[in-house]
N, C-alpha and C. Protein backbone atom coordinates (compact mmCIF):
# COMPACT_ATOMS: atom_id res chain seq x y z
N MET A 1 0.86 -1.18 0.00
CA MET A 1 0.00 0.00 0.00
C MET A 1 0.90 1.24 0.00
N LYS A 2 0.55 2.19 -0.82
CA LYS A 2 1.34 3.41 -0.95
C LYS A 2 1.16 4.30 0.28
N LEU A 3 2.14 5.12 0.51
CA LEU A 3 2.11 6.02 1.66
C LEU A 3 0.93 6.98 1.58
N ILE A 4 0.61 7.46 0.41
CA ILE A 4 -0.50 8.41 0.27
C ILE A 4 -1.82 7.75 0.64
N HIS A 5 -1.99 6.46 0.35
CA HIS A 5 -3.21 5.74 0.73
C HIS A 5 -3.29 5.57 2.25
N ARG A 6 -2.16 5.27 2.86
CA ARG A 6 -2.12 5.13 4.32
C ARG A 6 -2.52 6.44 5.00
N ILE A 7 -1.98 7.54 4.50
CA ILE A 7 -2.30 8.85 5.07
C ILE A 7 -3.79 9.16 4.88
N GLY A 8 -4.32 8.80 3.71
CA GLY A 8 -5.74 9.02 3.44
C GLY A 8 -6.62 8.23 4.39
N TYR A 9 -6.29 6.94 4.62
CA TYR A 9 -7.07 6.12 5.56
C TYR A 9 -6.96 6.67 6.99
N TYR A 10 -5.76 7.09 7.36
CA TYR A 10 -5.57 7.65 8.70
C TYR A 10 -6.42 8.89 8.89
N LEU A 11 -6.36 9.83 7.95
CA LEU A 11 -7.12 11.07 8.07
C LEU A 11 -8.63 10.81 8.03
N GLY A 12 -9.05 9.84 7.24
CA GLY A 12 -10.47 9.48 7.20
C GLY A 12 -10.95 8.95 8.54
N GLY A 13 -10.21 8.04 9.12
CA GLY A 13 -10.58 7.49 10.43
C GLY A 13 -10.50 8.52 11.53
N PHE A 14 -9.49 9.37 11.46
CA PHE A 14 -9.34 10.43 12.47
C PHE A 14 -10.51 11.40 12.42
N SER A 15 -10.94 11.78 11.21
CA SER A 15 -12.06 12.71 11.09
C SER A 15 -13.37 12.08 11.55
N ILE A 16 -13.58 10.79 11.27
CA ILE A 16 -14.77 10.10 11.76
C ILE A 16 -14.76 10.06 13.29
N GLY A 17 -13.60 9.81 13.88
CA GLY A 17 -13.48 9.81 15.34
C GLY A 17 -13.78 11.16 15.94
N LEU A 18 -13.32 12.23 15.32
CA LEU A 18 -13.61 13.57 15.83
C LEU A 18 -15.10 13.88 15.76
N ILE A 19 -15.75 13.46 14.67
CA ILE A 19 -17.19 13.69 14.54
C ILE A 19 -17.95 12.93 15.61
N LEU A 20 -17.56 11.66 15.85
CA LEU A 20 -18.22 10.88 16.90
C LEU A 20 -18.02 11.50 18.28
N LEU A 21 -16.80 11.97 18.57
CA LEU A 21 -16.55 12.62 19.86
C LEU A 21 -17.39 13.89 20.01
N ALA A 22 -17.48 14.68 18.96
CA ALA A 22 -18.28 15.90 19.01
C ALA A 22 -19.75 15.56 19.23
N PHE A 23 -20.22 14.48 18.64
CA PHE A 23 -21.62 14.08 18.80
C PHE A 23 -21.89 13.61 20.22
N PHE A 24 -21.02 12.78 20.78
CA PHE A 24 -21.26 12.23 22.11
C PHE A 24 -21.02 13.24 23.23
N LEU A 25 -20.09 14.17 23.04
CA LEU A 25 -19.75 15.11 24.10
C LEU A 25 -20.46 16.45 23.98
N SER A 26 -21.33 16.61 22.99
CA SER A 26 -21.94 17.92 22.76
C SER A 26 -22.90 18.33 23.88
N GLY A 27 -23.63 17.41 24.49
CA GLY A 27 -24.59 17.77 25.52
C GLY A 27 -24.05 17.68 26.92
N LYS A 28 -22.85 17.25 27.08
CA LYS A 28 -22.28 17.07 28.41
C LYS A 28 -21.57 18.34 28.86
N LYS A 29 -21.47 18.48 30.16
CA LYS A 29 -20.77 19.63 30.72
C LYS A 29 -19.30 19.27 30.89
N THR A 30 -18.59 19.20 29.79
CA THR A 30 -17.17 18.86 29.84
C THR A 30 -16.36 20.13 29.70
N SER A 31 -15.18 20.11 30.28
CA SER A 31 -14.28 21.25 30.15
C SER A 31 -12.85 20.73 30.15
N CYS A 32 -11.97 21.53 29.64
CA CYS A 32 -10.56 21.17 29.57
C CYS A 32 -9.77 22.11 30.46
N ALA A 33 -9.85 21.91 31.74
CA ALA A 33 -9.14 22.75 32.71
C ALA A 33 -7.89 22.01 33.17
N TYR A 34 -6.87 22.01 32.31
CA TYR A 34 -5.66 21.27 32.64
C TYR A 34 -4.56 22.14 33.21
N GLY A 35 -4.52 23.40 32.86
CA GLY A 35 -3.47 24.28 33.36
C GLY A 35 -3.74 24.70 34.79
N PRO A 36 -2.71 25.13 35.51
CA PRO A 36 -2.91 25.54 36.90
C PRO A 36 -3.85 26.74 37.03
N ASN A 37 -3.76 27.69 36.09
CA ASN A 37 -4.64 28.86 36.14
C ASN A 37 -6.09 28.44 35.97
N ALA A 38 -6.37 27.60 34.98
CA ALA A 38 -7.74 27.17 34.70
C ALA A 38 -8.31 26.34 35.85
N ARG A 39 -7.49 25.47 36.44
CA ARG A 39 -7.98 24.65 37.56
C ARG A 39 -8.31 25.50 38.77
N THR A 40 -7.48 26.50 39.05
CA THR A 40 -7.72 27.37 40.20
C THR A 40 -8.98 28.20 40.00
N ILE A 41 -9.13 28.79 38.81
CA ILE A 41 -10.32 29.60 38.51
C ILE A 41 -11.57 28.73 38.58
N LYS A 42 -11.50 27.52 38.04
CA LYS A 42 -12.66 26.63 38.06
C LYS A 42 -13.02 26.24 39.49
N ASN A 43 -12.01 25.97 40.32
CA ASN A 43 -12.25 25.59 41.71
C ASN A 43 -12.92 26.73 42.46
N ILE A 44 -12.45 27.95 42.26
CA ILE A 44 -13.03 29.10 42.96
C ILE A 44 -14.44 29.37 42.44
N SER A 45 -14.65 29.26 41.14
CA SER A 45 -15.95 29.58 40.54
C SER A 45 -17.03 28.59 40.95
N GLU A 46 -16.67 27.35 41.21
CA GLU A 46 -17.66 26.32 41.53
C GLU A 46 -18.01 26.22 43.01
N LYS A 47 -17.45 27.08 43.83
CA LYS A 47 -17.75 27.03 45.27
C LYS A 47 -19.21 27.37 45.52
N LYS A 48 -19.81 26.61 46.41
CA LYS A 48 -21.22 26.84 46.75
C LYS A 48 -21.38 28.14 47.53
N TYR A 49 -20.44 28.41 48.41
CA TYR A 49 -20.51 29.62 49.24
C TYR A 49 -19.41 30.58 48.83
N ARG A 50 -19.80 31.78 48.40
CA ARG A 50 -18.85 32.83 48.11
C ARG A 50 -19.13 33.98 49.07
N LEU A 51 -18.16 34.27 49.91
CA LEU A 51 -18.32 35.29 50.95
C LEU A 51 -17.52 36.53 50.58
N TYR A 52 -17.95 37.67 51.10
CA TYR A 52 -17.29 38.94 50.82
C TYR A 52 -16.92 39.60 52.14
N SER A 53 -15.68 40.07 52.24
CA SER A 53 -15.27 40.79 53.44
C SER A 53 -15.90 42.19 53.42
N GLU A 54 -15.82 42.87 54.57
CA GLU A 54 -16.40 44.21 54.66
C GLU A 54 -15.70 45.20 53.74
N THR A 55 -14.37 45.08 53.60
CA THR A 55 -13.65 45.98 52.69
C THR A 55 -14.05 45.73 51.25
N THR A 56 -14.29 44.48 50.91
CA THR A 56 -14.74 44.16 49.55
C THR A 56 -16.14 44.70 49.30
N LYS A 57 -17.01 44.57 50.29
CA LYS A 57 -18.38 45.09 50.14
C LYS A 57 -18.36 46.60 49.94
N SER A 58 -17.54 47.31 50.70
CA SER A 58 -17.48 48.76 50.56
C SER A 58 -16.86 49.15 49.21
N ALA A 59 -15.85 48.41 48.74
CA ALA A 59 -15.26 48.69 47.43
C ALA A 59 -16.26 48.41 46.31
N MET A 60 -17.05 47.36 46.47
CA MET A 60 -18.08 47.06 45.47
C MET A 60 -19.11 48.18 45.42
N LYS A 61 -19.45 48.70 46.58
CA LYS A 61 -20.42 49.80 46.64
C LYS A 61 -19.83 51.07 46.02
N ASN A 62 -18.56 51.35 46.29
CA ASN A 62 -17.91 52.55 45.76
C ASN A 62 -17.80 52.51 44.23
N TYR A 63 -17.49 51.35 43.68
CA TYR A 63 -17.29 51.22 42.24
C TYR A 63 -18.53 50.71 41.52
N ASP A 64 -19.64 50.60 42.22
CA ASP A 64 -20.93 50.18 41.64
C ASP A 64 -20.81 48.82 40.96
N LEU A 65 -20.30 47.83 41.70
CA LEU A 65 -20.17 46.47 41.21
C LEU A 65 -21.09 45.55 42.00
N ASP A 66 -21.57 44.50 41.36
CA ASP A 66 -22.37 43.52 42.07
C ASP A 66 -21.69 42.15 41.98
N SER A 67 -22.33 41.14 42.55
CA SER A 67 -21.71 39.82 42.61
C SER A 67 -21.51 39.21 41.22
N LEU A 68 -22.36 39.56 40.26
CA LEU A 68 -22.20 39.06 38.89
C LEU A 68 -20.94 39.63 38.25
N ASP A 69 -20.68 40.90 38.50
CA ASP A 69 -19.44 41.52 38.00
C ASP A 69 -18.21 40.84 38.60
N ILE A 70 -18.28 40.53 39.87
CA ILE A 70 -17.16 39.86 40.55
C ILE A 70 -16.97 38.46 39.97
N SER A 71 -18.06 37.74 39.72
CA SER A 71 -17.97 36.41 39.12
C SER A 71 -17.31 36.47 37.75
N ASN A 72 -17.68 37.45 36.95
CA ASN A 72 -17.07 37.60 35.62
C ASN A 72 -15.60 37.97 35.72
N LEU A 73 -15.24 38.80 36.70
CA LEU A 73 -13.84 39.15 36.89
C LEU A 73 -13.02 37.92 37.28
N ILE A 74 -13.61 37.06 38.09
CA ILE A 74 -12.91 35.85 38.50
C ILE A 74 -12.76 34.89 37.32
N LYS A 75 -13.84 34.66 36.59
CA LYS A 75 -13.80 33.68 35.49
C LYS A 75 -12.89 34.10 34.36
N THR A 76 -12.75 35.38 34.11
CA THR A 76 -11.91 35.83 33.00
C THR A 76 -10.55 36.32 33.46
N GLY A 77 -10.25 36.20 34.74
CA GLY A 77 -9.00 36.72 35.28
C GLY A 77 -7.85 35.73 35.18
N ASP A 78 -6.68 36.22 35.53
CA ASP A 78 -5.46 35.42 35.56
C ASP A 78 -4.94 35.38 37.00
N VAL A 79 -4.55 34.19 37.43
CA VAL A 79 -4.02 34.03 38.77
C VAL A 79 -2.54 34.39 38.76
N ASN A 80 -2.14 35.27 39.65
CA ASN A 80 -0.74 35.63 39.82
C ASN A 80 -0.18 34.72 40.92
N PHE A 81 0.44 33.63 40.50
CA PHE A 81 0.92 32.64 41.46
C PHE A 81 2.12 33.11 42.25
N SER A 82 2.89 34.05 41.70
CA SER A 82 4.06 34.54 42.44
C SER A 82 3.64 35.39 43.64
N GLU A 83 2.47 36.00 43.59
CA GLU A 83 1.96 36.81 44.69
C GLU A 83 0.95 36.05 45.55
N SER A 84 0.63 34.82 45.19
CA SER A 84 -0.36 34.02 45.91
C SER A 84 0.32 33.15 46.95
N ASP A 85 -0.45 32.76 47.95
CA ASP A 85 0.04 31.86 49.00
C ASP A 85 -0.54 30.47 48.73
N THR A 86 0.18 29.70 47.91
CA THR A 86 -0.31 28.38 47.51
C THR A 86 0.20 27.27 48.42
N LYS A 87 1.10 27.58 49.32
CA LYS A 87 1.69 26.56 50.19
C LYS A 87 0.99 26.44 51.54
N ALA A 88 0.01 27.28 51.79
CA ALA A 88 -0.67 27.28 53.09
C ALA A 88 -1.48 26.00 53.26
N LYS A 89 -1.56 25.56 54.49
CA LYS A 89 -2.38 24.39 54.80
C LYS A 89 -3.80 24.87 55.02
N GLY A 90 -4.75 24.13 54.51
CA GLY A 90 -6.15 24.52 54.66
C GLY A 90 -6.57 25.47 53.57
N CYS A 91 -6.68 26.74 53.90
CA CYS A 91 -7.15 27.75 52.96
C CYS A 91 -5.97 28.41 52.26
N LYS A 92 -5.97 28.37 50.95
CA LYS A 92 -4.93 29.02 50.16
C LYS A 92 -5.44 30.39 49.71
N THR A 93 -4.53 31.33 49.55
CA THR A 93 -4.89 32.69 49.14
C THR A 93 -4.35 32.94 47.75
N TYR A 94 -5.22 33.40 46.85
CA TYR A 94 -4.84 33.66 45.46
C TYR A 94 -5.08 35.12 45.10
N LEU A 95 -4.21 35.64 44.26
CA LEU A 95 -4.36 36.98 43.72
C LEU A 95 -4.78 36.83 42.27
N ILE A 96 -5.97 37.30 41.94
CA ILE A 96 -6.49 37.23 40.58
C ILE A 96 -6.47 38.64 39.99
N GLU A 97 -5.86 38.76 38.83
CA GLU A 97 -5.74 40.04 38.16
C GLU A 97 -6.60 40.05 36.90
N ASN A 98 -7.23 41.19 36.65
CA ASN A 98 -8.09 41.34 35.49
C ASN A 98 -8.17 42.81 35.14
N GLU A 99 -8.90 43.14 34.09
CA GLU A 99 -9.11 44.53 33.71
C GLU A 99 -10.59 44.81 33.62
N LEU A 100 -10.97 46.01 34.05
CA LEU A 100 -12.35 46.47 33.99
C LEU A 100 -12.33 47.92 33.55
N GLU A 101 -12.86 48.19 32.36
CA GLU A 101 -12.91 49.54 31.82
C GLU A 101 -11.52 50.20 31.83
N ASP A 102 -10.54 49.51 31.30
CA ASP A 102 -9.15 49.98 31.16
C ASP A 102 -8.47 50.26 32.50
N LYS A 103 -8.96 49.66 33.56
CA LYS A 103 -8.31 49.78 34.87
C LYS A 103 -7.94 48.38 35.34
N THR A 104 -6.84 48.28 36.05
CA THR A 104 -6.39 47.00 36.58
C THR A 104 -7.15 46.68 37.86
N VAL A 105 -7.66 45.45 37.92
CA VAL A 105 -8.42 44.99 39.09
C VAL A 105 -7.65 43.84 39.72
N GLU A 106 -7.48 43.89 41.03
CA GLU A 106 -6.83 42.81 41.78
C GLU A 106 -7.80 42.30 42.83
N LEU A 107 -8.07 41.01 42.78
CA LEU A 107 -8.92 40.35 43.76
C LEU A 107 -8.07 39.40 44.58
N THR A 108 -8.13 39.52 45.88
CA THR A 108 -7.46 38.58 46.77
C THR A 108 -8.52 37.65 47.32
N ILE A 109 -8.38 36.36 47.02
CA ILE A 109 -9.41 35.38 47.37
C ILE A 109 -8.80 34.30 48.24
N LYS A 110 -9.46 34.03 49.36
CA LYS A 110 -9.06 32.95 50.26
C LYS A 110 -9.93 31.75 49.91
N ASN A 111 -9.31 30.72 49.36
CA ASN A 111 -10.01 29.55 48.84
C ASN A 111 -9.92 28.40 49.84
N CYS A 112 -11.04 28.10 50.48
CA CYS A 112 -11.12 26.99 51.43
C CYS A 112 -11.85 25.82 50.77
N ASP A 113 -12.08 24.75 51.54
CA ASP A 113 -12.72 23.56 50.98
C ASP A 113 -14.15 23.82 50.52
N SER A 114 -14.92 24.49 51.34
CA SER A 114 -16.34 24.66 51.00
C SER A 114 -16.73 26.09 50.65
N SER A 115 -15.82 27.04 50.81
CA SER A 115 -16.17 28.43 50.52
C SER A 115 -14.96 29.19 49.97
N ALA A 116 -15.27 30.27 49.30
CA ALA A 116 -14.24 31.19 48.80
C ALA A 116 -14.59 32.58 49.33
N THR A 117 -13.66 33.20 50.03
CA THR A 117 -13.88 34.52 50.60
C THR A 117 -13.06 35.53 49.83
N ILE A 118 -13.73 36.52 49.28
CA ILE A 118 -13.03 37.60 48.58
C ILE A 118 -12.62 38.60 49.63
N GLN A 119 -11.33 38.64 49.91
CA GLN A 119 -10.83 39.45 51.00
C GLN A 119 -10.61 40.91 50.61
N SER A 120 -10.17 41.15 49.38
CA SER A 120 -9.97 42.54 48.97
C SER A 120 -10.23 42.69 47.47
N LEU A 121 -10.64 43.88 47.11
CA LEU A 121 -10.90 44.27 45.73
C LEU A 121 -10.20 45.61 45.53
N ILE A 122 -9.17 45.62 44.70
CA ILE A 122 -8.41 46.84 44.46
C ILE A 122 -8.51 47.18 42.99
N ILE A 123 -8.93 48.40 42.69
CA ILE A 123 -9.01 48.88 41.31
C ILE A 123 -8.01 50.02 41.18
N LYS A 124 -7.06 49.85 40.26
CA LYS A 124 -6.01 50.85 40.07
C LYS A 124 -6.23 51.61 38.78
């Protein structure tokens, strides 16, 4: 069998496999959170209890933000691991950076087993 025929059969089977995967996985809630940033954001976003400190509540009131805005900032943000405390036992503290209306936003989040507490919200 010629090499071109082998490549053709391979690409044909590969494309059929991709179509089958797309068909079977289309209705499922699957995600590809393999990187450390994506896993951390996903873990924080899926917490049942999200708490806000008093300083965060006052900053939200000053900048006219609500919990939906904070959720979007978390989901689209980047974790700064060099400024985060990832070695702590129990609750780890993460610094999430994002932009809102051309301003830099920094969220400090304490991530525990069952809850995530937003400790500070700084807009520069």
